Amino acid sequence: MKSGLRHLCLTDPEARMMPEGRSKRITPCHSWEIGVDREAALLVVGQTPQSSTDNERLEGLVKAAQANEPAGVRAVDADSGYYQGDTIGRLLTCGIDVCIPDCNTACDLHRGEPVGSKRDRGRGKVLLLYDAGSDCFRCPEGNELHRRQTGHRNHGQQTNDYRAIHSCQHCPLAGECLTQPTAKHRSVRVGEYHQLLEEARQRFNEAEQQERYHHRGEAVETVFGFVREVLGYRNWLLRGEQKVAREERLFRLAYQLRKVHGRWAEVAGR
């Protein structure tokens, strides 16, 4: 209770409640996150972080991978579970080509709908123009949206909330602007990396980006399948964060040796 934990595993106090395995059943466990070089099919990095969600692990994983890639990490592909707005924004700012959709975009891709369809169902369609000088948004009818709240969390991003200073109920554009029947004022949330994230989102309208996303899991899932079925690792054999980390390094090394030996045998056989 003093540590602020809602659950504690008595046999392994350092385990944390998180989704486990293919079933994603919430249980006390230790995670395993990996980064795979798609061209070489080798593990660039492996970690056993204690954070309970995937999107909290992405930045640390990329940072650790940078040290093991001779040319640095140039691109990152992952599923929407790893999406966190501020993290994606920082990676894009560093020049890394990111192919990770937010949950709404992933839903659009799954349904074969234009990117932005699911997001736009819950937001006003009237275009707002931003005035940097006065730090406010203006609608076509002249109403202004001023900042009301700072530091709100939205899709893993710190956002600033803006709200119309005058009621929008009697505005001729209210039907297109207000999405909730009881709403009286138009509001909008904007983060530091808003423009970068929007550009990254629009790239998923391109067939090449969609193809890249749909094939994101092949390199990584092959590793998990190999570790489970060939090496026989379905559960950690040790307990405790440090011991699990050592065990992870051992079977990661076993995987790497088999891959390198297989490549060597293939070349030698020629």
C-alpha atoms as a PDB file:
ATOM      1  CA  MET A   1       0.000   0.000   0.000  1.00  0.00           C
ATOM      2  CA  LYS A   2       2.859   2.406   0.792  1.00  0.00           C
ATOM      3  CA  SER A   3       4.378   1.786  -2.654  1.00  0.00           C
ATOM      4  CA  GLY A   4       1.113   2.721  -4.355  1.00  0.00           C
ATOM      5  CA  LEU A   5       0.616  -0.675  -5.998  1.00  0.00           C
ATOM      6  CA  ARG A   6      -2.877  -2.086  -6.361  1.00  0.00           C
ATOM      7  CA  HIS A   7      -1.588  -5.639  -6.870  1.00  0.00           C
ATOM      8  CA  LEU A   8       1.415  -7.521  -5.519  1.00  0.00           C
ATOM      9  CA  CYS A   9       2.683 -10.958  -6.525  1.00  0.00           C
ATOM     10  CA  LEU A  10       3.902 -12.677  -3.347  1.00  0.00           C
ATOM     11  CA  THR A  11       6.163 -15.116  -5.246  1.00  0.00           C
ATOM     12  CA  ASP A  12       7.748 -12.338  -7.343  1.00  0.00           C
ATOM     13  CA  PRO A  13       7.188  -8.856  -5.857  1.00  0.00           C
ATOM     14  CA  GLU A  14       8.945  -7.224  -8.844  1.00  0.00           C
ATOM     15  CA  ALA A  15       6.434  -8.617 -11.360  1.00  0.00           C
ATOM     16  CA  ARG A  16       3.783  -6.193 -12.595  1.00  0.00           C
ATOM     17  CA  MET A  17       0.215  -6.607 -13.831  1.00  0.00           C
ATOM     18  CA  MET A  18       0.283  -6.483 -17.635  1.00  0.00           C
ATOM     19  CA  PRO A  19      -1.030  -8.346 -20.732  1.00  0.00           C
ATOM     20  CA  GLU A  20       0.757 -11.663 -21.156  1.00  0.00           C
ATOM     21  CA  GLY A  21       1.339 -13.725 -24.308  1.00  0.00           C
ATOM     22  CA  ARG A  22      -1.014 -14.046 -27.254  1.00  0.00           C
ATOM     23  CA  SER A  23      -4.110 -14.163 -25.075  1.00  0.00           C
ATOM     24  CA  LYS A  24      -3.241 -10.725 -23.600  1.00  0.00           C
ATOM     25  CA  ARG A  25      -4.589 -11.960 -20.276  1.00  0.00           C
ATOM     26  CA  ILE A  26      -3.758  -9.509 -17.486  1.00  0.00           C
ATOM     27  CA  THR A  27      -1.506 -11.310 -15.027  1.00  0.00           C
ATOM     28  CA  PRO A  28       1.613 -10.671 -12.886  1.00  0.00           C
ATOM     29  CA  CYS A  29       4.557 -11.069 -15.261  1.00  0.00           C
ATOM     30  CA  HIS A  30       7.652  -9.540 -16.848  1.00  0.00           C
ATOM     31  CA  SER A  31       7.472  -8.228 -20.397  1.00  0.00           C
ATOM     32  CA  TRP A  32       9.910  -8.782 -23.254  1.00  0.00           C
ATOM     33  CA  GLU A  33      10.322  -6.044 -25.843  1.00  0.00           C
ATOM     34  CA  ILE A  34      12.601  -6.427 -28.878  1.00  0.00           C
ATOM     35  CA  GLY A  35      13.788  -4.424 -31.849  1.00  0.00           C
ATOM     36  CA  VAL A  36      14.584  -6.329 -35.051  1.00  0.00           C
ATOM     37  CA  ASP A  37      16.697  -5.198 -37.989  1.00  0.00           C
ATOM     38  CA  ARG A  38      14.381  -6.075 -40.869  1.00  0.00           C
ATOM     39  CA  GLU A  39      17.192  -6.422 -43.440  1.00  0.00           C
ATOM     40  CA  ALA A  40      19.547  -8.524 -41.315  1.00  0.00           C
ATOM     41  CA  ALA A  41      16.751 -10.354 -39.417  1.00  0.00           C
ATOM     42  CA  LEU A  42      18.796  -9.974 -36.227  1.00  0.00           C
ATOM     43  CA  LEU A  43      17.795  -8.678 -32.830  1.00  0.00           C
ATOM     44  CA  VAL A  44      19.049  -5.129 -32.399  1.00  0.00           C
ATOM     45  CA  VAL A  45      17.937  -4.864 -28.802  1.00  0.00           C
ATOM     46  CA  GLY A  46      15.965  -6.759 -26.183  1.00  0.00           C
ATOM     47  CA  GLN A  47      14.586  -5.415 -22.915  1.00  0.00           C
ATOM     48  CA  THR A  48      12.420  -6.478 -19.997  1.00  0.00           C
ATOM     49  CA  PRO A  49      10.810  -3.149 -18.959  1.00  0.00           C
ATOM     50  CA  GLN A  50       8.351  -2.991 -16.094  1.00  0.00           C
ATOM     51  CA  SER A  51       5.945  -0.435 -17.601  1.00  0.00           C
ATOM     52  CA  SER A  52       2.493  -1.944 -18.031  1.00  0.00           C
ATOM     53  CA  THR A  53       1.685  -0.541 -21.503  1.00  0.00           C
ATOM     54  CA  ASP A  54       3.503  -0.803 -24.838  1.00  0.00           C
ATOM     55  CA  ASN A  55       3.451   2.909 -25.653  1.00  0.00           C
ATOM     56  CA  GLU A  56       5.513   3.686 -22.556  1.00  0.00           C
ATOM     57  CA  ARG A  57       8.302   1.387 -23.790  1.00  0.00           C
ATOM     58  CA  LEU A  58       8.853   2.629 -27.342  1.00  0.00           C
ATOM     59  CA  GLU A  59      11.221   5.532 -26.706  1.00  0.00           C
ATOM     60  CA  GLY A  60      13.505   3.526 -24.411  1.00  0.00           C
ATOM     61  CA  LEU A  61      13.620   0.696 -26.921  1.00  0.00           C
ATOM     62  CA  VAL A  62      14.599   3.015 -29.787  1.00  0.00           C
ATOM     63  CA  LYS A  63      17.221   4.734 -27.639  1.00  0.00           C
ATOM     64  CA  ALA A  64      18.807   1.391 -26.722  1.00  0.00           C
ATOM     65  CA  ALA A  65      18.722   0.267 -30.362  1.00  0.00           C
ATOM     66  CA  GLN A  66      20.620   3.368 -31.495  1.00  0.00           C
ATOM     67  CA  ALA A  67      23.791   2.088 -29.817  1.00  0.00           C
ATOM     68  CA  ASN A  68      23.665  -1.225 -31.716  1.00  0.00           C
ATOM     69  CA  GLU A  69      22.915   0.056 -35.220  1.00  0.00           C
ATOM     70  CA  PRO A  70      26.109   1.220 -37.031  1.00  0.00           C
ATOM     71  CA  ALA A  71      24.154   3.753 -39.114  1.00  0.00           C
ATOM     72  CA  GLY A  72      21.709   4.571 -36.328  1.00  0.00           C
ATOM     73  CA  VAL A  73      17.973   3.881 -36.300  1.00  0.00           C
ATOM     74  CA  ARG A  74      16.537   5.353 -39.489  1.00  0.00           C
ATOM     75  CA  ALA A  75      12.978   3.982 -39.357  1.00  0.00           C
ATOM     76  CA  VAL A  76      10.620   2.493 -36.778  1.00  0.00           C
ATOM     77  CA  ASP A  77       7.591   0.306 -37.533  1.00  0.00           C
ATOM     78  CA  ALA A  78       5.165  -0.881 -34.857  1.00  0.00           C
ATOM     79  CA  ASP A  79       1.472  -1.421 -34.218  1.00  0.00           C
ATOM     80  CA  SER A  80      -0.858   1.199 -32.770  1.00  0.00           C
ATOM     81  CA  GLY A  81      -0.332  -0.067 -29.220  1.00  0.00           C
ATOM     82  CA  TYR A  82       3.044   1.689 -29.268  1.00  0.00           C
ATOM     83  CA  TYR A  83       1.584   5.034 -30.305  1.00  0.00           C
ATOM     84  CA  GLN A  84       2.185   7.924 -27.928  1.00  0.00           C
ATOM     85  CA  GLY A  85       1.901  11.391 -29.431  1.00  0.00           C
ATOM     86  CA  ASP A  86       4.819  13.089 -27.711  1.00  0.00           C
ATOM     87  CA  THR A  87       7.117  10.109 -28.276  1.00  0.00           C
ATOM     88  CA  ILE A  88       6.249   9.904 -31.989  1.00  0.00           C
ATOM     89  CA  GLY A  89       6.760  13.668 -32.284  1.00  0.00           C
ATOM     90  CA  ARG A  90      10.218  13.489 -30.738  1.00  0.00           C
ATOM     91  CA  LEU A  91      11.251  10.606 -33.016  1.00  0.00           C
ATOM     92  CA  LEU A  92      10.036  12.480 -36.087  1.00  0.00           C
ATOM     93  CA  THR A  93      11.913  15.592 -34.952  1.00  0.00           C
ATOM     94  CA  CYS A  94      15.095  13.496 -34.780  1.00  0.00           C
ATOM     95  CA  GLY A  95      14.626  12.525 -38.430  1.00  0.00           C
ATOM     96  CA  ILE A  96      13.408   8.970 -37.805  1.00  0.00           C
ATOM     97  CA  ASP A  97      10.859   7.688 -40.319  1.00  0.00           C
ATOM     98  CA  VAL A  98       8.004   6.441 -38.131  1.00  0.00           C
ATOM     99  CA  CYS A  99       5.249   4.090 -39.300  1.00  0.00           C
ATOM    100  CA  ILE A 100       3.001   3.805 -36.232  1.00  0.00           C
ATOM    101  CA  PRO A 101      -0.671   4.800 -36.518  1.00  0.00           C
ATOM    102  CA  ASP A 102      -2.812   6.072 -33.670  1.00  0.00           C
ATOM    103  CA  CYS A 103      -5.779   3.894 -32.683  1.00  0.00           C
ATOM    104  CA  ASN A 104      -8.259   5.812 -34.867  1.00  0.00           C
ATOM    105  CA  THR A 105      -6.026   5.562 -37.941  1.00  0.00           C
ATOM    106  CA  ALA A 106      -5.408   1.859 -37.290  1.00  0.00           C
ATOM    107  CA  CYS A 107      -9.182   1.362 -37.161  1.00  0.00           C
ATOM    108  CA  ASP A 108      -9.552   3.169 -40.508  1.00  0.00           C
ATOM    109  CA  LEU A 109      -6.877   0.959 -42.080  1.00  0.00           C
ATOM    110  CA  HIS A 110      -8.529  -2.180 -40.735  1.00  0.00           C
ATOM    111  CA  ARG A 111     -11.908  -1.161 -42.162  1.00  0.00           C
ATOM    112  CA  GLY A 112     -10.496   0.095 -45.457  1.00  0.00           C
ATOM    113  CA  GLU A 113     -11.808   3.629 -44.837  1.00  0.00           C
ATOM    114  CA  PRO A 114     -10.029   6.925 -45.646  1.00  0.00           C
ATOM    115  CA  VAL A 115      -7.603   7.991 -42.936  1.00  0.00           C
ATOM    116  CA  GLY A 116      -9.329  10.329 -40.483  1.00  0.00           C
ATOM    117  CA  SER A 117     -12.824   8.830 -40.878  1.00  0.00           C
ATOM    118  CA  LYS A 118     -13.154   7.563 -37.309  1.00  0.00           C
ATOM    119  CA  ARG A 119     -11.505  10.640 -35.798  1.00  0.00           C
ATOM    120  CA  ASP A 120     -13.672  13.069 -37.755  1.00  0.00           C
ATOM    121  CA  ARG A 121     -16.887  11.450 -36.502  1.00  0.00           C
ATOM    122  CA  GLY A 122     -16.189  12.928 -33.083  1.00  0.00           C
ATOM    123  CA  ARG A 123     -15.017  16.401 -34.060  1.00  0.00           C
ATOM    124  CA  GLY A 124     -16.460  19.479 -35.699  1.00  0.00           C
ATOM    125  CA  LYS A 125     -16.076  19.858 -39.463  1.00  0.00           C
ATOM    126  CA  VAL A 126     -15.820  23.665 -39.515  1.00  0.00           C
ATOM    127  CA  LEU A 127     -12.260  24.800 -40.229  1.00  0.00           C
ATOM    128  CA  LEU A 128     -10.611  26.842 -37.473  1.00  0.00           C
ATOM    129  CA  LEU A 129      -7.702  29.203 -38.155  1.00  0.00           C
ATOM    130  CA  TYR A 130      -4.974  29.665 -35.556  1.00  0.00           C
ATOM    131  CA  ASP A 131      -3.644  33.135 -34.699  1.00  0.00           C
ATOM    132  CA  ALA A 132      -0.187  32.728 -33.160  1.00  0.00           C
ATOM    133  CA  GLY A 133      -0.024  36.379 -32.080  1.00  0.00           C
ATOM    134  CA  SER A 134      -3.031  36.141 -29.774  1.00  0.00           C
ATOM    135  CA  ASP A 135      -2.759  32.374 -29.225  1.00  0.00           C
ATOM    136  CA  CYS A 136      -6.330  31.644 -30.208  1.00  0.00           C
ATOM    137  CA  PHE A 137      -8.400  29.918 -32.904  1.00  0.00           C
ATOM    138  CA  ARG A 138     -11.029  31.769 -34.969  1.00  0.00           C
ATOM    139  CA  CYS A 139     -14.030  30.272 -36.709  1.00  0.00           C
ATOM    140  CA  PRO A 140     -15.557  31.628 -39.961  1.00  0.00           C
ATOM    141  CA  GLU A 141     -18.264  33.384 -37.914  1.00  0.00           C
ATOM    142  CA  GLY A 142     -15.721  35.361 -35.900  1.00  0.00           C
ATOM    143  CA  ASN A 143     -15.974  33.455 -32.617  1.00  0.00           C
ATOM    144  CA  GLU A 144     -12.632  32.966 -30.866  1.00  0.00           C
ATOM    145  CA  LEU A 145     -11.385  29.908 -28.994  1.00  0.00           C
ATOM    146  CA  HIS A 146      -9.043  30.843 -26.149  1.00  0.00           C
ATOM    147  CA  ARG A 147      -6.796  28.562 -24.143  1.00  0.00           C
ATOM    148  CA  ARG A 148      -8.537  27.211 -21.073  1.00  0.00           C
ATOM    149  CA  GLN A 149      -6.328  24.361 -19.889  1.00  0.00           C
ATOM    150  CA  THR A 150      -2.685  23.320 -20.322  1.00  0.00           C
ATOM    151  CA  GLY A 151      -1.069  19.919 -19.872  1.00  0.00           C
ATOM    152  CA  HIS A 152      -4.063  17.707 -20.646  1.00  0.00           C
ATOM    153  CA  ARG A 153      -3.181  14.139 -21.711  1.00  0.00           C
ATOM    154  CA  ASN A 154      -4.741  13.065 -25.012  1.00  0.00           C
ATOM    155  CA  HIS A 155      -3.578   9.973 -26.945  1.00  0.00           C
ATOM    156  CA  GLY A 156      -0.224  10.080 -25.167  1.00  0.00           C
ATOM    157  CA  GLN A 157       0.323  13.746 -25.898  1.00  0.00           C
ATOM    158  CA  GLN A 158       0.417  16.829 -23.691  1.00  0.00           C
ATOM    159  CA  THR A 159      -2.208  19.138 -25.172  1.00  0.00           C
ATOM    160  CA  ASN A 160      -3.561  22.640 -24.689  1.00  0.00           C
ATOM    161  CA  ASP A 161      -7.358  22.944 -24.593  1.00  0.00           C
ATOM    162  CA  TYR A 162      -9.093  25.846 -26.355  1.00  0.00           C
ATOM    163  CA  ARG A 163     -12.766  26.762 -25.884  1.00  0.00           C
ATOM    164  CA  ALA A 164     -15.034  29.259 -27.652  1.00  0.00           C
ATOM    165  CA  ILE A 165     -15.639  32.407 -25.604  1.00  0.00           C
ATOM    166  CA  HIS A 166     -19.186  32.851 -26.972  1.00  0.00           C
ATOM    167  CA  SER A 167     -21.942  30.258 -27.189  1.00  0.00           C
ATOM    168  CA  CYS A 168     -22.160  28.441 -30.539  1.00  0.00           C
ATOM    169  CA  GLN A 169     -25.757  27.257 -30.121  1.00  0.00           C
ATOM    170  CA  HIS A 170     -27.344  29.924 -32.319  1.00  0.00           C
ATOM    171  CA  CYS A 171     -24.538  29.978 -34.901  1.00  0.00           C
ATOM    172  CA  PRO A 172     -25.632  28.978 -38.457  1.00  0.00           C
ATOM    173  CA  LEU A 173     -22.675  26.534 -38.550  1.00  0.00           C
ATOM    174  CA  ALA A 174     -23.520  24.885 -35.213  1.00  0.00           C
ATOM    175  CA  GLY A 175     -24.813  21.701 -36.874  1.00  0.00           C
ATOM    176  CA  GLU A 176     -21.420  21.098 -38.491  1.00  0.00           C
ATOM    177  CA  CYS A 177     -19.321  22.466 -35.649  1.00  0.00           C
ATOM    178  CA  LEU A 178     -20.817  20.929 -32.484  1.00  0.00           C
ATOM    179  CA  THR A 179     -20.747  17.135 -32.279  1.00  0.00           C
ATOM    180  CA  GLN A 180     -22.666  16.640 -29.032  1.00  0.00           C
ATOM    181  CA  PRO A 181     -26.417  17.447 -28.768  1.00  0.00           C
ATOM    182  CA  THR A 182     -25.957  19.290 -25.468  1.00  0.00           C
ATOM    183  CA  ALA A 183     -22.730  21.112 -26.405  1.00  0.00           C
ATOM    184  CA  LYS A 184     -22.758  24.913 -26.251  1.00  0.00           C
ATOM    185  CA  HIS A 185     -19.151  25.816 -27.097  1.00  0.00           C
ATOM    186  CA  ARG A 186     -16.713  24.507 -29.701  1.00  0.00           C
ATOM    187  CA  SER A 187     -13.481  23.208 -28.199  1.00  0.00           C
ATOM    188  CA  VAL A 188     -10.232  21.854 -29.605  1.00  0.00           C
ATOM    189  CA  ARG A 189      -7.118  20.189 -28.214  1.00  0.00           C
ATOM    190  CA  VAL A 190      -3.716  20.878 -29.741  1.00  0.00           C
ATOM    191  CA  GLY A 191      -0.328  19.437 -28.775  1.00  0.00           C
ATOM    192  CA  GLU A 192       3.242  20.550 -29.345  1.00  0.00           C
ATOM    193  CA  TYR A 193       3.726  18.127 -32.246  1.00  0.00           C
ATOM    194  CA  HIS A 194       0.281  18.596 -33.767  1.00  0.00           C
ATOM    195  CA  GLN A 195       1.482  19.451 -37.285  1.00  0.00           C
ATOM    196  CA  LEU A 196       4.121  16.696 -37.410  1.00  0.00           C
ATOM    197  CA  LEU A 197       1.650  14.077 -36.200  1.00  0.00           C
ATOM    198  CA  GLU A 198      -0.970  15.192 -38.715  1.00  0.00           C
ATOM    199  CA  GLU A 199       1.532  14.887 -41.566  1.00  0.00           C
ATOM    200  CA  ALA A 200       2.524  11.424 -40.331  1.00  0.00           C
ATOM    201  CA  ARG A 201      -1.166  10.465 -40.144  1.00  0.00           C
ATOM    202  CA  GLN A 202      -1.841  11.607 -43.714  1.00  0.00           C
ATOM    203  CA  ARG A 203       0.991   9.415 -44.996  1.00  0.00           C
ATOM    204  CA  PHE A 204      -1.203   6.392 -44.234  1.00  0.00           C
ATOM    205  CA  ASN A 205      -3.354   7.431 -47.194  1.00  0.00           C
ATOM    206  CA  GLU A 206      -0.444   6.309 -49.384  1.00  0.00           C
ATOM    207  CA  ALA A 207      -0.464   2.700 -50.593  1.00  0.00           C
ATOM    208  CA  GLU A 208       3.242   2.301 -49.821  1.00  0.00           C
ATOM    209  CA  GLN A 209       2.794   3.342 -46.185  1.00  0.00           C
ATOM    210  CA  GLN A 210      -0.206   1.054 -45.785  1.00  0.00           C
ATOM    211  CA  GLU A 211       1.753  -1.867 -47.217  1.00  0.00           C
ATOM    212  CA  ARG A 212       4.605  -1.132 -44.854  1.00  0.00           C
ATOM    213  CA  TYR A 213       2.259  -1.079 -41.878  1.00  0.00           C
ATOM    214  CA  HIS A 214       0.460  -4.297 -42.834  1.00  0.00           C
ATOM    215  CA  HIS A 215       3.800  -6.156 -42.969  1.00  0.00           C
ATOM    216  CA  ARG A 216       5.193  -4.633 -39.775  1.00  0.00           C
ATOM    217  CA  GLY A 217       4.799  -7.766 -37.660  1.00  0.00           C
ATOM    218  CA  GLU A 218       6.540 -10.327 -39.843  1.00  0.00           C
ATOM    219  CA  ALA A 219      10.073  -9.673 -38.604  1.00  0.00           C
ATOM    220  CA  VAL A 220       9.124  -9.406 -34.924  1.00  0.00           C
ATOM    221  CA  GLU A 221       6.531 -12.190 -34.708  1.00  0.00           C
ATOM    222  CA  THR A 222       8.983 -14.592 -36.374  1.00  0.00           C
ATOM    223  CA  VAL A 223      11.326 -14.037 -33.436  1.00  0.00           C
ATOM    224  CA  PHE A 224       8.627 -14.700 -30.844  1.00  0.00           C
ATOM    225  CA  GLY A 225       7.493 -17.814 -32.702  1.00  0.00           C
ATOM    226  CA  PHE A 226      11.073 -19.104 -32.901  1.00  0.00           C
ATOM    227  CA  VAL A 227      11.735 -18.475 -29.210  1.00  0.00           C
ATOM    228  CA  ARG A 228       8.505 -20.213 -28.151  1.00  0.00           C
ATOM    229  CA  GLU A 229       8.411 -23.153 -30.540  1.00  0.00           C
ATOM    230  CA  VAL A 230      12.093 -23.892 -31.339  1.00  0.00           C
ATOM    231  CA  LEU A 231      13.915 -22.760 -28.216  1.00  0.00           C
ATOM    232  CA  GLY A 232      10.998 -23.747 -25.996  1.00  0.00           C
ATOM    233  CA  TYR A 233      10.830 -20.524 -23.974  1.00  0.00           C
ATOM    234  CA  ARG A 234       7.172 -19.982 -23.088  1.00  0.00           C
ATOM    235  CA  ASN A 235       7.674 -18.734 -19.527  1.00  0.00           C
ATOM    236  CA  TRP A 236      10.439 -17.109 -17.542  1.00  0.00           C
ATOM    237  CA  LEU A 237      12.311 -19.671 -15.466  1.00  0.00           C
ATOM    238  CA  LEU A 238      13.644 -17.115 -12.969  1.00  0.00           C
ATOM    239  CA  ARG A 239      12.015 -14.485 -10.785  1.00  0.00           C
ATOM    240  CA  GLY A 240      12.952 -10.927 -10.013  1.00  0.00           C
ATOM    241  CA  GLU A 241      13.691  -8.074 -12.413  1.00  0.00           C
ATOM    242  CA  GLN A 242      17.479  -8.515 -12.570  1.00  0.00           C
ATOM    243  CA  LYS A 243      17.370 -12.299 -12.937  1.00  0.00           C
ATOM    244  CA  VAL A 244      14.757 -12.090 -15.685  1.00  0.00           C
ATOM    245  CA  ALA A 245      16.928  -9.524 -17.494  1.00  0.00           C
ATOM    246  CA  ARG A 246      19.889 -11.940 -17.357  1.00  0.00           C
ATOM    247  CA  GLU A 247      17.745 -14.801 -18.620  1.00  0.00           C
ATOM    248  CA  GLU A 248      16.537 -12.599 -21.479  1.00  0.00           C
ATOM    249  CA  ARG A 249      20.135 -11.880 -22.499  1.00  0.00           C
ATOM    250  CA  LEU A 250      20.921 -15.602 -22.575  1.00  0.00           C
ATOM    251  CA  PHE A 251      18.132 -16.687 -24.906  1.00  0.00           C
ATOM    252  CA  ARG A 252      18.602 -13.538 -27.021  1.00  0.00           C
ATOM    253  CA  LEU A 253      22.222 -14.630 -27.446  1.00  0.00           C
ATOM    254  CA  ALA A 254      21.043 -18.155 -28.343  1.00  0.00           C
ATOM    255  CA  TYR A 255      18.751 -16.712 -31.002  1.00  0.00           C
ATOM    256  CA  GLN A 256      21.507 -14.529 -32.452  1.00  0.00           C
ATOM    257  CA  LEU A 257      24.034 -17.392 -32.596  1.00  0.00           C
ATOM    258  CA  ARG A 258      21.588 -19.640 -34.441  1.00  0.00           C
ATOM    259  CA  LYS A 259      20.754 -16.908 -36.947  1.00  0.00           C
ATOM    260  CA  VAL A 260      24.412 -16.045 -37.587  1.00  0.00           C
ATOM    261  CA  HIS A 261      25.406 -19.723 -37.823  1.00  0.00           C
ATOM    262  CA  GLY A 262      22.546 -20.393 -40.230  1.00  0.00           C
ATOM    263  CA  ARG A 263      23.669 -17.503 -42.432  1.00  0.00           C
ATOM    264  CA  TRP A 264      27.286 -18.678 -42.281  1.00  0.00           C
ATOM    265  CA  ALA A 265      26.285 -22.235 -43.252  1.00  0.00           C
ATOM    266  CA  GLU A 266      24.211 -20.887 -46.130  1.00  0.00           C
ATOM    267  CA  VAL A 267      27.128 -18.842 -47.484  1.00  0.00           C
ATOM    268  CA  ALA A 268      29.661 -21.646 -46.905  1.00  0.00           C
ATOM    269  CA  GLY A 269      27.400 -24.094 -48.742  1.00  0.00           C
ATOM    270  CA  ARG A 270      27.574 -21.961 -51.843  1.00  0.00           C
END
